[in-house]
Structure formats: C-alpha cells, structure tokens
Amino acid sequence: MLEEKDLQAIAQLILASEERLRAEFHAKLEMEIRASEERMREGMSAEFHAGENRTHAYIENGVMKPIRLLAEGHAQILERLPGVGALDSLRGRVCNLERMVTEQGHEIDELKRA
C-alpha cells in the first residue's frame, strides 16, 4: 500500500506536471493570440488601403473631373472677356453714346414741338 510520503510525492509530481502543462498551454495560447492579432492587423490594413484607393478613385473621377471641366470653361470665359484697358475704352464710348442719344432725343422733341 502507498504511504503518506508516496501520496505526497505523487501529488507533487501531478502539480508539477499540471504547472508545466498550464505554462505550455498559456505559451501556445499567447502565440495563437498574437498570430490572430497579426492576421487581423493585416486584414484591417488591407481593407483600409482598399478603402483609401476607392476614395482616391472617387475623388479623381467624381470630384476632380467636374472641377477640371469647370476650370476649363472658366478659362475660356476669361479668354473671351476684354481686358481692363478695353473695358475703360468701352466705358468712355458708352458714356459718349448715351450723351449723344440724350442730346438727339432733346433735339427730336424740339423738332416735334415746332
């Protein structure tokens, strides 16, 4: 029959074996968790970059293209507009024409009364 010392020795062996197995289990669990986290990071990073690429494509095609077209149209309008010097000249000519029309209108009114 087993004596008290034998039972204690067996209990210590079982405890030591349990601790060793627990340590191995925790080490393996930590390793698996790290690997899982790394896979998650890689997946999230890939998804982030894919989303970033989609956003850039949308901005390039959906936003920048109409802005470029608008800018080109604006540039064409600016090319057709007269310069500052030409505008000043046109203002002077318009003032002269307005004065002449007013004078001629008065002359016509006088001729109608006569």
Protein backbone atom coordinates (compact mmCIF):
# COMPACT_ATOMS: atom_id res chain seq x y z
CA MET A 1 0.00 0.00 0.00
CA LEU A 2 1.11 3.55 -0.60
CA GLU A 3 2.25 5.55 2.32
CA GLU A 4 1.67 9.23 3.07
CA LYS A 5 5.07 10.18 1.63
CA ASP A 6 4.32 8.33 -1.59
CA LEU A 7 0.96 10.08 -1.95
CA GLN A 8 2.59 13.45 -1.31
CA ALA A 9 5.29 12.71 -3.88
CA ILE A 10 2.64 11.70 -6.42
CA ALA A 11 0.65 14.87 -5.64
CA GLN A 12 3.78 17.00 -6.14
CA LEU A 13 4.50 15.25 -9.45
CA ILE A 14 0.94 15.86 -10.57
CA LEU A 15 1.14 19.53 -9.50
CA ALA A 16 4.46 19.97 -11.29
CA SER A 17 3.06 18.31 -14.40
CA GLU A 18 -0.06 20.48 -14.17
CA GLU A 19 2.01 23.66 -13.87
CA ARG A 20 4.18 22.62 -16.81
CA LEU A 21 1.10 21.86 -18.93
CA ARG A 22 -0.55 25.12 -17.85
CA ALA A 23 2.62 27.07 -18.79
CA GLU A 24 2.78 25.30 -22.17
CA PHE A 25 -0.93 25.96 -22.72
CA HIS A 26 -0.55 29.66 -21.89
CA ALA A 27 2.53 29.96 -24.12
CA LYS A 28 0.70 28.29 -27.02
CA LEU A 29 -2.41 30.39 -26.35
CA GLU A 30 -0.33 33.61 -26.35
CA MET A 31 1.33 32.55 -29.60
CA GLU A 32 -2.05 31.83 -31.22
CA ILE A 33 -3.48 35.13 -29.97
CA ARG A 34 -0.50 37.05 -31.38
CA ALA A 35 -0.84 35.27 -34.71
CA SER A 36 -4.57 36.02 -34.78
CA GLU A 37 -3.96 39.67 -33.92
CA GLU A 38 -1.35 39.91 -36.67
CA ARG A 39 -3.78 38.43 -39.21
CA MET A 40 -6.42 40.90 -38.06
CA ARG A 41 -3.99 43.81 -38.40
CA GLU A 42 -3.01 42.70 -41.90
CA GLY A 43 -6.65 42.29 -42.90
CA MET A 44 -7.60 45.66 -41.46
CA SER A 45 -4.61 47.30 -43.13
CA ALA A 46 -5.52 45.75 -46.48
CA GLU A 47 -9.14 46.85 -46.07
CA PHE A 48 -8.02 50.35 -45.07
CA HIS A 49 -5.80 50.65 -48.14
CA ALA A 50 -8.57 49.33 -50.38
CA GLY A 51 -10.96 51.92 -48.93
CA GLU A 52 -8.33 54.61 -49.36
CA ASN A 53 -7.85 53.61 -53.01
CA ARG A 54 -11.61 53.67 -53.60
CA THR A 55 -11.80 57.12 -52.02
CA HIS A 56 -8.96 58.42 -54.20
CA ALA A 57 -10.62 56.97 -57.30
CA TYR A 58 -13.94 58.60 -56.38
CA ILE A 59 -12.28 61.95 -55.76
CA GLU A 60 -10.34 61.72 -59.02
CA ASN A 61 -13.34 60.73 -61.15
CA GLY A 62 -16.32 62.11 -59.26
CA VAL A 63 -14.94 65.37 -57.92
CA MET A 64 -11.79 66.44 -59.73
CA LYS A 65 -13.13 65.77 -63.24
CA PRO A 66 -16.07 68.21 -62.90
CA ILE A 67 -13.79 70.75 -61.22
CA ARG A 68 -11.32 70.48 -64.12
CA LEU A 69 -14.15 70.91 -66.63
CA LEU A 70 -15.45 73.91 -64.71
CA ALA A 71 -11.96 75.43 -64.59
CA GLU A 72 -11.51 74.90 -68.34
CA GLY A 73 -14.85 76.60 -69.01
CA HIS A 74 -13.89 79.43 -66.69
CA ALA A 75 -10.58 79.84 -68.50
CA GLN A 76 -12.40 80.02 -71.85
CA ILE A 77 -14.76 82.68 -70.50
CA LEU A 78 -11.82 84.70 -69.18
CA GLU A 79 -10.11 84.48 -72.58
CA ARG A 80 -13.18 85.97 -74.28
CA LEU A 81 -13.58 88.83 -71.79
CA PRO A 82 -11.98 92.13 -72.75
CA GLY A 83 -9.02 93.37 -70.76
CA VAL A 84 -9.11 96.22 -68.25
CA GLY A 85 -7.87 98.77 -70.80
CA ALA A 86 -10.51 97.69 -73.30
CA LEU A 87 -13.21 97.98 -70.64
CA ASP A 88 -12.15 101.54 -69.83
CA SER A 89 -12.29 102.40 -73.52
CA LEU A 90 -15.74 100.81 -73.83
CA ARG A 91 -17.00 102.75 -70.81
CA GLY A 92 -15.88 106.01 -72.38
CA ARG A 93 -17.54 105.15 -75.67
CA VAL A 94 -20.78 104.13 -73.94
CA CYS A 95 -20.85 107.41 -71.99
CA ASN A 96 -20.38 109.37 -75.22
CA LEU A 97 -23.12 107.38 -76.95
CA GLU A 98 -25.51 107.91 -74.02
CA ARG A 99 -24.84 111.67 -74.08
CA MET A 100 -25.35 111.81 -77.85
CA VAL A 101 -28.61 109.83 -77.64
CA THR A 102 -29.88 112.14 -74.90
CA GLU A 103 -28.97 115.26 -76.94
CA GLN A 104 -30.56 113.86 -80.07
CA GLY A 105 -33.66 112.92 -78.07
CA HIS A 106 -33.95 116.52 -76.90
CA GLU A 107 -33.45 117.80 -80.47
CA ILE A 108 -36.15 115.44 -81.74
CA ASP A 109 -38.53 116.65 -79.03
CA GLU A 110 -37.86 120.29 -80.01
CA LEU A 111 -38.43 119.50 -83.67
CA LYS A 112 -41.72 117.79 -82.84
CA ARG A 113 -42.91 120.86 -80.90
CA ALA A 114 -42.02 123.26 -83.69
